[in-house]
Each structure stands twice: as structure tokens, then as C-alpha cells.
Amino acid sequence: MKYDVVVVGTGPAGSRTAKIAADNGCSVLMIEKRQEIGVPVRCGEGVSKAGLKQIGIQPENSWIASDIKGARIYAPNGKHVLLSEEQAGGEVGYNIYRDIFDKSLAKQAGKSGVDIMLKSSVFDVIKESGKIKGVKVKSMGKNLEIKADVVAAADGFESQVGRWSGIDTSLKPNDVVPSLQYTMTNIDYTEYNDFYIGSVAPGGYAWVFPKENEANVGLGVQLSKIEERGDVKKYLDKFVEKKFPKGKIVRIVAGCVSVCAPIEKTVGDGVLLVGDAARQIDPLTGGGILNALICGTIAGEVIGNAVGKQEFNETLKWYEKKWRDKLEDKLYRNWIAKEKATTLNDETFNKIIDTLSGYDFKKVSTIEILKGINQKHPELTRELEGLI
């Protein structure tokens, strides 16, 4: 069995890479280890409308759960900052049904001619003279070798393909956030995604993302701040008991998020990494849908060019350059901000939100905000240089 491209994983990064590569003339196989695309859901399920429009993803009623006006960021003392949808970043605009969203992206790939193989686990890569030339797959009890000119690893946080290909995607404890989320009913609906910072979720944050008849209520805690097994659940249960004592849990989702600085390398000879497999998650927010779609688009275009030229070493390096030109500076800045934020205590967060709550963010610059902080809380100015 031989394809131009094998894509491992059917999340947003995988489906987008596969579709765009097929649209650029490649024969593509997409492999998913589970029997159904999009499940289990491991996501807060928020995404920017403007970001989807920019990428060319048309909204579909089937996967839109709610239309969100903006975000509220809450300090430990209960004060908050209100941000519009445009100001709030890549996780605010639509709250979606992620399983339906992922299926929709996979269907679009299928319509472009991509073959899809479900319930099939990649257990190694095929190497020939140091080059990646395909994957080894266990499918329906059979071991298969599938040859390909390019392997695109979109196999998520636990990515094995990158490691087998000699690409270092290892993470430090400070750059891993174990997360737990309850989908809950019997919660008052709002039109804002809410974020809670401080000791409620050490090294991370808690969130409430409303849908029409339910809400995703979750939090993530920096791995280095976890003392005992089950700590994340303890933090979430305490938060839920305080905020939503009458809420009822209808679904539980657990997972881990990478929140590291951009890794050194995402391309090898015949292989590239996309999405969380490439650690392209926003380190400050933990959001990854938009970046996965952006990088998947770039990957598919570069792969199409590489297959057309039949040159897979130097040509694939353009993927490295293009995605870094688009995202690397922001990812690195947000990683620095994340590193600083994890050192702050509740008192400091209270002072920050106290100052920021008085600003219209559409009309002021970062310099003006820093001047305001210096006037109101001068002791914080130096401490916040890497955060704002």
C-alpha cells in the first residue's frame, strides 16, 4: 500500500493537513486509532469566530453550541476584567461541540479525496537510509506497512511518531498542565466565557464555557505544583461546590495540555509534526484549535509542493519557516508570560485585575496600562514586565 502522504491523527491538525494536501494533488491516507473521530472530547471547546473565518472554515449550526460575546477574567477576590470577543483571543467566539466539529473537518477531507482508516494504531515508522518512508500499522488484527513520501504526525499530546522519527518533543513538568473538566447542567446561562486565575488552579486557571443547556466547567494545574494524585479533581470539586452547588455533572473529561516554548524542530527527512504533536499550543491559554488549523493549512500546502517536486528534505523545511513566521513570536511571548504568571500570588492577581478593570482595552496601549499600574501599584511594575 502506497500513498503520497500518510497523516496520523484525525483532529483539526490532521484533517486540515490531509484536506489541503489532497487539494494540492496528493494521494492521502488519514489514520485514526479510535473507532470514531472526535471522541473522547478533550477540549474546553472554545474557538474564535474571526480566526475560523481567516482560515476559511465556514460555521455550521451542527457544531455551534453557543455564540459568545467576550470573556471575563476573575481575580481571586471576585473582581473581573471584561474583554470583547475580538480582544479575548483564540478561545472566544463560538463554544462548539468538538466531536461534531472534528467529524465535519474529517468529512471535508474525505470530500477532497482523502482515505480514512479507523481503529488502526500506528506502532512505528518505516525508515530507509535514515529517511521516513511510511508507517507500520495494526488494523483489525493485522499488521500493515504503508509506504508514503511524507508522514504528517498529528497524533496529539502523546505523540509517538515524532519520537520514533528522532524529533525531541519532550516536556518539563513546568510545561505540562493536567486538566479536568465537567460538563454540567442546572447552571445559569451567560454570553461570556469566564476565566478564574490564582490559587483556585495553581499554575493554570479555571474556566466556565457556557452552552445552550449546559456548560463546560474545568481547570488545569501546572504539573510541578501537584503534590498528590487526585489534586486536580480536588481543586475542581472545590471550585464547583463554591460556584455551582446545584449543578449536575453529565460528562467528565480528563487530559493534559502542553504549555511549552516552541520546540527546536518540527521537521525531519520525510516527516513533519502538526498541532499539539508539534507543541503548537498557546502556552498562556492552552488553546490549540486555531493554531492546529493554521499549521495544518501550511503543512498541507508545503507537502503538496514537496510531492510535486519529489523533493522531501529541503522542501519540507519550508513548513518549519512558514509556521514559525506566523506563530513563533507570539508563542514565545506567551510562554514568557505564562512563566511569569505562575510565580504570582493571589494578592498580586487582585491588584492586577483591580487596575485593568478600569480600562477600555480598545482605546489604550500596553504602555498606558503599565503606567496606570505604576501609579496605582508601583511595587508591581517590575514584576509584570514579562506578563503584560
Protein backbone atom coordinates (compact mmCIF):
# COMPACT_ATOMS: atom_id res chain seq x y z
CA MET A 1 0.00 0.00 0.00
CA LYS A 2 1.47 3.37 -1.04
CA TYR A 3 0.32 6.99 -0.69
CA ASP A 4 1.96 10.33 -1.28
CA VAL A 5 1.06 11.30 2.29
CA VAL A 6 0.06 9.49 5.47
CA VAL A 7 -1.45 11.67 8.21
CA VAL A 8 -1.53 10.17 11.70
CA GLY A 9 -4.44 11.58 13.70
CA THR A 10 -7.85 12.99 12.76
CA GLY A 11 -8.10 16.06 14.99
CA PRO A 12 -8.19 19.57 13.50
CA ALA A 13 -4.46 19.48 12.67
CA GLY A 14 -4.67 16.11 10.96
CA SER A 15 -7.86 16.68 8.98
CA ARG A 16 -6.76 20.11 7.81
CA THR A 17 -3.33 18.87 6.74
CA ALA A 18 -4.93 15.97 4.88
CA LYS A 19 -7.54 18.11 3.10
CA ILE A 20 -5.11 20.78 1.94
CA ALA A 21 -2.56 18.20 0.77
CA ALA A 22 -5.29 16.42 -1.21
CA ASP A 23 -6.47 19.74 -2.66
CA ASN A 24 -2.87 20.21 -3.85
CA GLY A 25 -2.90 16.96 -5.80
CA CYS A 26 -1.64 14.41 -3.27
CA SER A 27 -2.99 10.94 -2.56
CA VAL A 28 -3.61 10.98 1.20
CA LEU A 29 -4.42 8.43 3.89
CA MET A 30 -5.51 9.60 7.33
CA ILE A 31 -5.19 7.10 10.20
CA GLU A 32 -7.15 7.22 13.48
CA LYS A 33 -6.54 4.82 16.36
CA ARG A 34 -10.10 5.07 17.66
CA GLN A 35 -13.23 3.71 16.03
CA GLU A 36 -14.91 7.11 15.92
CA ILE A 37 -13.49 10.51 15.02
CA GLY A 38 -13.82 13.27 17.61
CA VAL A 39 -14.20 11.18 20.75
CA PRO A 40 -13.37 11.28 23.55
CA VAL A 41 -13.56 15.06 23.70
CA ARG A 42 -10.55 16.56 25.47
CA CYS A 43 -11.13 20.26 25.00
CA GLY A 44 -12.75 23.31 26.58
CA GLU A 45 -14.43 23.73 23.17
CA GLY A 46 -13.98 27.47 22.68
CA VAL A 47 -12.74 28.96 19.39
CA SER A 48 -12.54 32.39 17.76
CA LYS A 49 -15.05 33.28 15.02
CA ALA A 50 -12.59 35.65 13.35
CA GLY A 51 -9.88 33.01 13.44
CA LEU A 52 -12.07 30.41 11.74
CA LYS A 53 -13.09 32.94 9.10
CA GLN A 54 -9.48 33.86 8.41
CA ILE A 55 -8.59 30.20 7.85
CA GLY A 56 -11.63 29.63 5.64
CA ILE A 57 -13.69 27.38 7.92
CA GLN A 58 -17.39 28.12 7.40
CA PRO A 59 -19.53 27.92 10.57
CA GLU A 60 -22.06 25.09 10.71
CA ASN A 61 -25.08 25.06 13.00
CA SER A 62 -24.45 21.40 13.80
CA TRP A 63 -21.27 22.15 15.76
CA ILE A 64 -22.05 25.59 17.20
CA ALA A 65 -23.24 25.22 20.79
CA SER A 66 -23.32 28.91 21.70
CA ASP A 67 -22.40 32.36 20.42
CA ILE A 68 -20.09 34.14 22.87
CA LYS A 69 -19.77 37.93 23.26
CA GLY A 70 -16.48 38.00 25.12
CA ALA A 71 -14.54 36.89 28.18
CA ARG A 72 -14.47 37.78 31.86
CA ILE A 73 -11.24 37.23 33.77
CA TYR A 74 -11.81 36.92 37.51
CA ALA A 75 -9.30 37.68 40.25
CA PRO A 76 -9.34 35.64 43.47
CA ASN A 77 -11.27 38.43 45.23
CA GLY A 78 -14.08 38.28 42.67
CA LYS A 79 -13.32 41.42 40.67
CA HIS A 80 -13.12 40.92 36.93
CA VAL A 81 -11.95 42.37 33.64
CA LEU A 82 -14.34 42.28 30.68
CA LEU A 83 -12.89 41.66 27.23
CA SER A 84 -14.74 41.75 23.93
CA GLU A 85 -14.67 38.79 21.60
CA GLU A 86 -12.00 40.47 19.46
CA GLN A 87 -9.79 41.21 22.48
CA ALA A 88 -10.19 37.85 24.18
CA GLY A 89 -8.10 35.73 21.81
CA GLY A 90 -8.38 32.38 20.08
CA GLU A 91 -10.69 30.64 22.56
CA VAL A 92 -13.62 33.09 22.48
CA GLY A 93 -16.34 33.48 19.82
CA TYR A 94 -18.06 30.15 19.48
CA ASN A 95 -18.37 27.40 22.02
CA ILE A 96 -18.59 24.25 19.94
CA TYR A 97 -19.42 20.58 20.06
CA ARG A 98 -15.87 19.42 19.44
CA ASP A 99 -16.79 15.87 18.43
CA ILE A 100 -19.13 17.14 15.68
CA PHE A 101 -16.58 19.79 14.67
CA ASP A 102 -13.84 17.18 14.24
CA LYS A 103 -16.15 14.94 12.22
CA SER A 104 -17.04 17.87 9.99
CA LEU A 105 -13.37 18.58 9.27
CA ALA A 106 -12.76 14.89 8.53
CA LYS A 107 -15.75 14.84 6.15
CA GLN A 108 -14.31 17.84 4.32
CA ALA A 109 -11.04 15.94 3.97
CA GLY A 110 -12.96 12.93 2.66
CA LYS A 111 -14.73 15.07 0.06
CA SER A 112 -11.28 16.20 -1.13
CA GLY A 113 -10.37 12.56 -1.76
CA VAL A 114 -8.63 11.61 1.50
CA ASP A 115 -8.89 7.96 2.51
CA ILE A 116 -9.63 7.39 6.21
CA MET A 117 -8.62 4.33 8.23
CA LEU A 118 -10.27 3.97 11.66
CA LYS A 119 -9.49 1.72 14.63
CA SER A 120 -5.90 1.49 13.41
CA SER A 121 -2.85 2.17 15.56
CA VAL A 122 0.50 3.29 14.18
CA PHE A 123 3.18 1.45 16.17
CA ASP A 124 6.33 2.55 14.32
CA VAL A 125 7.67 4.42 11.32
CA ILE A 126 9.37 2.88 8.28
CA LYS A 127 12.94 4.08 7.83
CA GLU A 128 15.08 3.63 4.76
CA SER A 129 18.62 5.03 4.78
CA GLY A 130 17.67 7.40 7.60
CA LYS A 131 14.58 8.73 5.81
CA ILE A 132 11.00 8.26 6.97
CA LYS A 133 9.20 6.34 4.23
CA GLY A 134 5.91 5.35 5.83
CA VAL A 135 4.32 3.82 8.92
CA LYS A 136 3.65 0.43 10.47
CA VAL A 137 0.03 -0.03 11.46
CA LYS A 138 -2.03 -2.54 13.41
CA SER A 139 -5.52 -2.54 11.88
CA MET A 140 -8.31 -5.01 12.63
CA GLY A 141 -5.84 -7.54 13.98
CA LYS A 142 -3.44 -7.26 11.03
CA ASN A 143 -0.02 -5.65 10.86
CA LEU A 144 0.40 -3.48 7.77
CA GLU A 145 3.21 -1.46 6.25
CA ILE A 146 2.01 1.66 4.47
CA LYS A 147 4.59 3.46 2.38
CA ALA A 148 4.47 7.23 1.91
CA ASP A 149 6.69 10.02 0.66
CA VAL A 150 5.64 12.16 3.63
CA VAL A 151 4.35 11.26 7.09
CA ALA A 152 2.48 14.04 8.92
CA ALA A 153 2.28 13.43 12.66
CA ALA A 154 -0.87 14.99 14.10
CA ASP A 155 -1.15 12.48 16.93
CA GLY A 156 -1.62 14.94 19.76
CA PHE A 157 -0.12 15.45 23.20
CA GLU A 158 1.08 11.86 23.49
CA SER A 159 2.68 11.92 20.01
CA GLN A 160 4.88 8.89 19.36
CA VAL A 161 5.58 9.49 15.68
CA GLY A 162 7.83 12.45 16.37
CA ARG A 163 9.87 10.49 18.90
CA TRP A 164 10.20 7.48 16.57
CA SER A 165 11.39 9.88 13.88
CA GLY A 166 14.12 11.33 16.08
CA ILE A 167 12.40 14.66 16.87
CA ASP A 168 12.57 15.75 20.52
CA THR A 169 9.13 16.75 21.81
CA SER A 170 9.82 16.03 25.49
CA LEU A 171 8.33 18.32 28.12
CA LYS A 172 9.41 19.61 31.53
CA PRO A 173 6.97 19.46 34.48
CA ASN A 174 6.53 23.26 34.29
CA ASP A 175 5.30 22.85 30.71
CA VAL A 176 2.60 20.26 31.37
CA VAL A 177 -0.89 21.08 32.69
CA PRO A 178 -3.09 18.12 33.68
CA SER A 179 -6.71 19.20 33.27
CA LEU A 180 -10.15 18.00 34.32
CA GLN A 181 -13.49 19.22 33.02
CA TYR A 182 -17.10 18.57 33.97
CA THR A 183 -19.92 19.24 31.54
CA MET A 184 -22.71 20.41 33.84
CA THR A 185 -26.40 21.21 33.66
CA ASN A 186 -28.56 23.29 36.00
CA ILE A 187 -26.25 26.28 35.53
CA ASP A 188 -27.40 29.79 34.63
CA TYR A 189 -26.52 30.65 31.02
CA THR A 190 -24.33 33.66 30.22
CA GLU A 191 -22.89 35.01 26.96
CA TYR A 192 -19.33 35.13 28.25
CA ASN A 193 -16.53 32.64 28.71
CA ASP A 194 -15.25 33.04 32.26
CA PHE A 195 -11.67 32.50 33.43
CA TYR A 196 -10.58 32.33 37.08
CA ILE A 197 -6.93 32.87 37.99
CA GLY A 198 -4.87 32.40 41.13
CA SER A 199 -4.78 29.68 43.77
CA VAL A 200 -8.09 28.26 42.50
CA ALA A 201 -5.88 26.45 39.93
CA PRO A 202 -2.15 26.81 40.75
CA GLY A 203 -0.08 27.47 37.65
CA GLY A 204 -3.17 27.33 35.43
CA TYR A 205 -6.74 28.63 35.59
CA ALA A 206 -10.34 27.53 35.96
CA TRP A 207 -12.89 28.11 33.20
CA VAL A 208 -16.62 28.15 32.60
CA PHE A 209 -17.66 27.92 28.93
CA PRO A 210 -21.47 28.08 28.61
CA LYS A 211 -23.56 26.25 26.06
CA GLU A 212 -27.31 26.44 25.49
CA ASN A 213 -28.37 23.94 28.15
CA GLU A 214 -25.05 23.14 29.83
CA ALA A 215 -21.57 24.44 30.48
CA ASN A 216 -18.01 23.14 30.41
CA VAL A 217 -16.55 23.74 33.87
CA GLY A 218 -12.92 22.78 34.28
CA LEU A 219 -9.45 23.68 35.39
CA GLY A 220 -5.81 22.88 34.78
CA VAL A 221 -2.96 22.80 37.30
CA GLN A 222 0.73 23.02 36.46
CA LEU A 223 2.25 19.55 36.90
CA SER A 224 5.11 20.88 39.05
CA LYS A 225 2.55 22.25 41.54
CA ILE A 226 0.69 18.97 42.01
CA GLU A 227 1.57 17.29 45.31
CA GLU A 228 -0.74 14.27 45.36
CA ARG A 229 -2.60 12.12 42.86
CA GLY A 230 -6.12 13.47 42.60
CA ASP A 231 -5.19 17.09 43.35
CA VAL A 232 -6.71 18.38 40.10
CA LYS A 233 -10.07 16.80 40.99
CA LYS A 234 -9.89 18.26 44.49
CA TYR A 235 -9.34 21.74 43.10
CA LEU A 236 -12.18 21.35 40.59
CA ASP A 237 -14.62 19.93 43.12
CA LYS A 238 -13.87 22.81 45.48
CA PHE A 239 -14.46 25.32 42.67
CA VAL A 240 -17.72 23.67 41.59
CA GLU A 241 -19.01 23.45 45.17
CA LYS A 242 -18.46 27.18 45.59
CA LYS A 243 -19.71 28.39 42.21
CA PHE A 244 -22.34 25.84 41.17
CA PRO A 245 -23.65 23.96 44.22
CA LYS A 246 -26.84 22.99 42.36
CA GLY A 247 -25.09 21.97 39.12
CA LYS A 248 -25.24 18.37 37.88
CA ILE A 249 -22.35 16.61 36.14
CA VAL A 250 -23.26 14.83 32.89
CA ARG A 251 -19.78 14.25 31.44
CA ILE A 252 -16.19 14.10 32.70
CA VAL A 253 -13.18 14.84 30.50
CA ALA A 254 -9.54 14.48 31.58
CA GLY A 255 -6.32 15.15 29.72
CA CYS A 256 -3.03 17.01 29.61
CA VAL A 257 -2.01 20.17 27.76
CA SER A 258 1.49 21.15 26.68
CA VAL A 259 2.33 24.78 27.51
CA CYS A 260 5.98 24.96 26.45
CA ALA A 261 8.03 27.38 24.40
CA PRO A 262 8.29 26.49 20.68
CA ILE A 263 10.37 23.34 20.30
CA GLU A 264 13.60 23.36 18.31
CA LYS A 265 12.50 21.19 15.41
CA THR A 266 9.23 20.00 13.85
CA VAL A 267 10.52 18.61 10.54
CA GLY A 268 12.69 15.64 9.54
CA ASP A 269 13.51 13.94 6.27
CA GLY A 270 10.09 12.75 5.12
CA VAL A 271 8.20 13.72 8.29
CA LEU A 272 6.65 16.78 9.88
CA LEU A 273 4.71 17.42 13.10
CA VAL A 274 1.48 19.45 13.31
CA GLY A 275 -0.68 20.75 16.16
CA ASP A 276 -0.11 19.53 19.71
CA ALA A 277 2.29 16.88 18.38
CA ALA A 278 4.47 19.86 17.37
CA ARG A 279 3.77 21.68 20.67
CA GLN A 280 1.97 24.49 18.81
CA ILE A 281 -0.50 25.04 21.66
CA ASP A 282 -0.73 28.59 23.04
CA PRO A 283 1.32 28.31 26.28
CA LEU A 284 -0.65 31.04 28.09
CA THR A 285 -4.21 29.89 27.37
CA GLY A 286 -3.71 26.22 26.49
CA GLY A 287 -5.86 26.77 23.39
CA GLY A 288 -4.92 24.83 20.30
CA ILE A 289 -7.73 24.60 17.73
CA LEU A 290 -6.83 27.69 15.71
CA ASN A 291 -3.09 27.04 15.73
CA ALA A 292 -3.73 23.47 14.63
CA LEU A 293 -5.81 24.67 11.68
CA ILE A 294 -3.28 27.37 10.74
CA CYS A 295 -0.35 24.96 10.85
CA GLY A 296 -2.34 22.21 9.13
CA THR A 297 -3.05 24.57 6.25
CA ILE A 298 0.64 25.44 5.95
CA ALA A 299 1.64 21.78 6.23
CA GLY A 300 -0.79 20.68 3.50
CA GLU A 301 0.44 23.36 1.11
CA VAL A 302 4.12 22.58 1.72
CA ILE A 303 3.51 18.83 1.38
CA GLY A 304 1.74 19.41 -1.93
CA ASN A 305 4.75 21.35 -3.16
CA ALA A 306 7.18 18.68 -1.94
CA VAL A 307 5.25 15.87 -3.64
CA GLY A 308 5.05 17.87 -6.84
CA LYS A 309 8.81 18.42 -6.84
CA GLN A 310 9.57 14.94 -5.44
CA GLU A 311 12.00 16.64 -3.05
CA PHE A 312 11.24 15.91 0.61
CA ASN A 313 14.16 17.15 2.67
CA GLU A 314 14.76 20.78 1.78
CA THR A 315 11.17 21.44 0.63
CA LEU A 316 9.61 20.27 3.90
CA LYS A 317 11.83 22.73 5.76
CA TRP A 318 9.61 25.48 4.33
CA TYR A 319 6.92 24.25 6.71
CA GLU A 320 9.26 24.98 9.62
CA LYS A 321 9.92 28.50 8.36
CA LYS A 322 6.34 29.38 7.45
CA TRP A 323 4.64 28.26 10.65
CA ARG A 324 7.31 29.92 12.77
CA ASP A 325 6.99 33.17 10.79
CA LYS A 326 3.27 33.07 11.53
CA LEU A 327 3.18 31.96 15.18
CA GLU A 328 6.56 31.57 16.88
CA ASP A 329 6.97 35.11 18.26
CA LYS A 330 3.51 35.06 19.84
CA LEU A 331 4.01 31.57 21.26
CA TYR A 332 7.33 32.54 22.78
CA ARG A 333 5.94 35.78 24.26
CA ASN A 334 3.01 33.89 25.74
CA TRP A 335 5.34 31.26 27.18
CA ILE A 336 7.33 34.02 28.94
CA ALA A 337 4.04 35.47 30.23
CA LYS A 338 2.95 32.02 31.41
CA GLU A 339 6.24 31.51 33.24
CA LYS A 340 5.81 34.87 34.99
CA ALA A 341 2.13 34.30 35.79
CA THR A 342 2.85 31.00 37.54
CA THR A 343 5.02 32.85 40.09
CA LEU A 344 2.35 35.37 41.13
CA ASN A 345 0.23 35.06 44.28
CA ASP A 346 -3.45 35.90 44.81
CA GLU A 347 -2.69 39.36 46.21
CA THR A 348 -0.78 40.25 43.05
CA PHE A 349 -3.54 38.95 40.78
CA ASN A 350 -6.07 41.00 42.76
CA LYS A 351 -4.02 44.16 42.22
CA ILE A 352 -3.60 43.45 38.51
CA ILE A 353 -7.32 42.94 37.90
CA ASP A 354 -8.13 45.91 40.13
CA THR A 355 -6.05 48.12 37.82
CA LEU A 356 -7.08 46.57 34.49
CA SER A 357 -10.80 46.70 35.28
CA GLY A 358 -10.70 50.46 34.82
CA TYR A 359 -9.51 50.38 31.20
CA ASP A 360 -11.20 50.24 27.83
CA PHE A 361 -8.76 47.94 26.05
CA LYS A 362 -9.81 49.21 22.62
CA LYS A 363 -8.51 52.68 23.47
CA VAL A 364 -5.31 52.13 25.45
CA SER A 365 -1.86 50.71 24.74
CA THR A 366 0.18 48.30 26.83
CA ILE A 367 2.47 51.23 27.78
CA GLU A 368 -0.51 53.18 29.12
CA ILE A 369 -1.64 50.16 31.14
CA LEU A 370 1.85 49.79 32.64
CA LYS A 371 1.81 53.49 33.52
CA GLY A 372 -1.54 53.00 35.23
CA ILE A 373 -0.23 50.05 37.21
CA ASN A 374 2.82 52.09 38.19
CA GLN A 375 0.58 54.86 39.52
CA LYS A 376 -1.82 52.60 41.40
CA HIS A 377 0.50 49.74 42.43
CA PRO A 378 4.11 50.89 41.80
CA GLU A 379 5.50 47.83 43.53
CA LEU A 380 4.19 45.64 40.67
CA THR A 381 5.75 47.42 37.68
CA ARG A 382 8.99 45.45 37.54
CA GLU A 383 7.27 42.19 38.43
CA LEU A 384 4.88 42.48 35.47
CA GLU A 385 7.34 43.38 32.72
CA GLY A 386 7.18 39.87 31.25
CA LEU A 387 3.44 39.43 31.72
CA ILE A 388 1.64 42.33 30.01
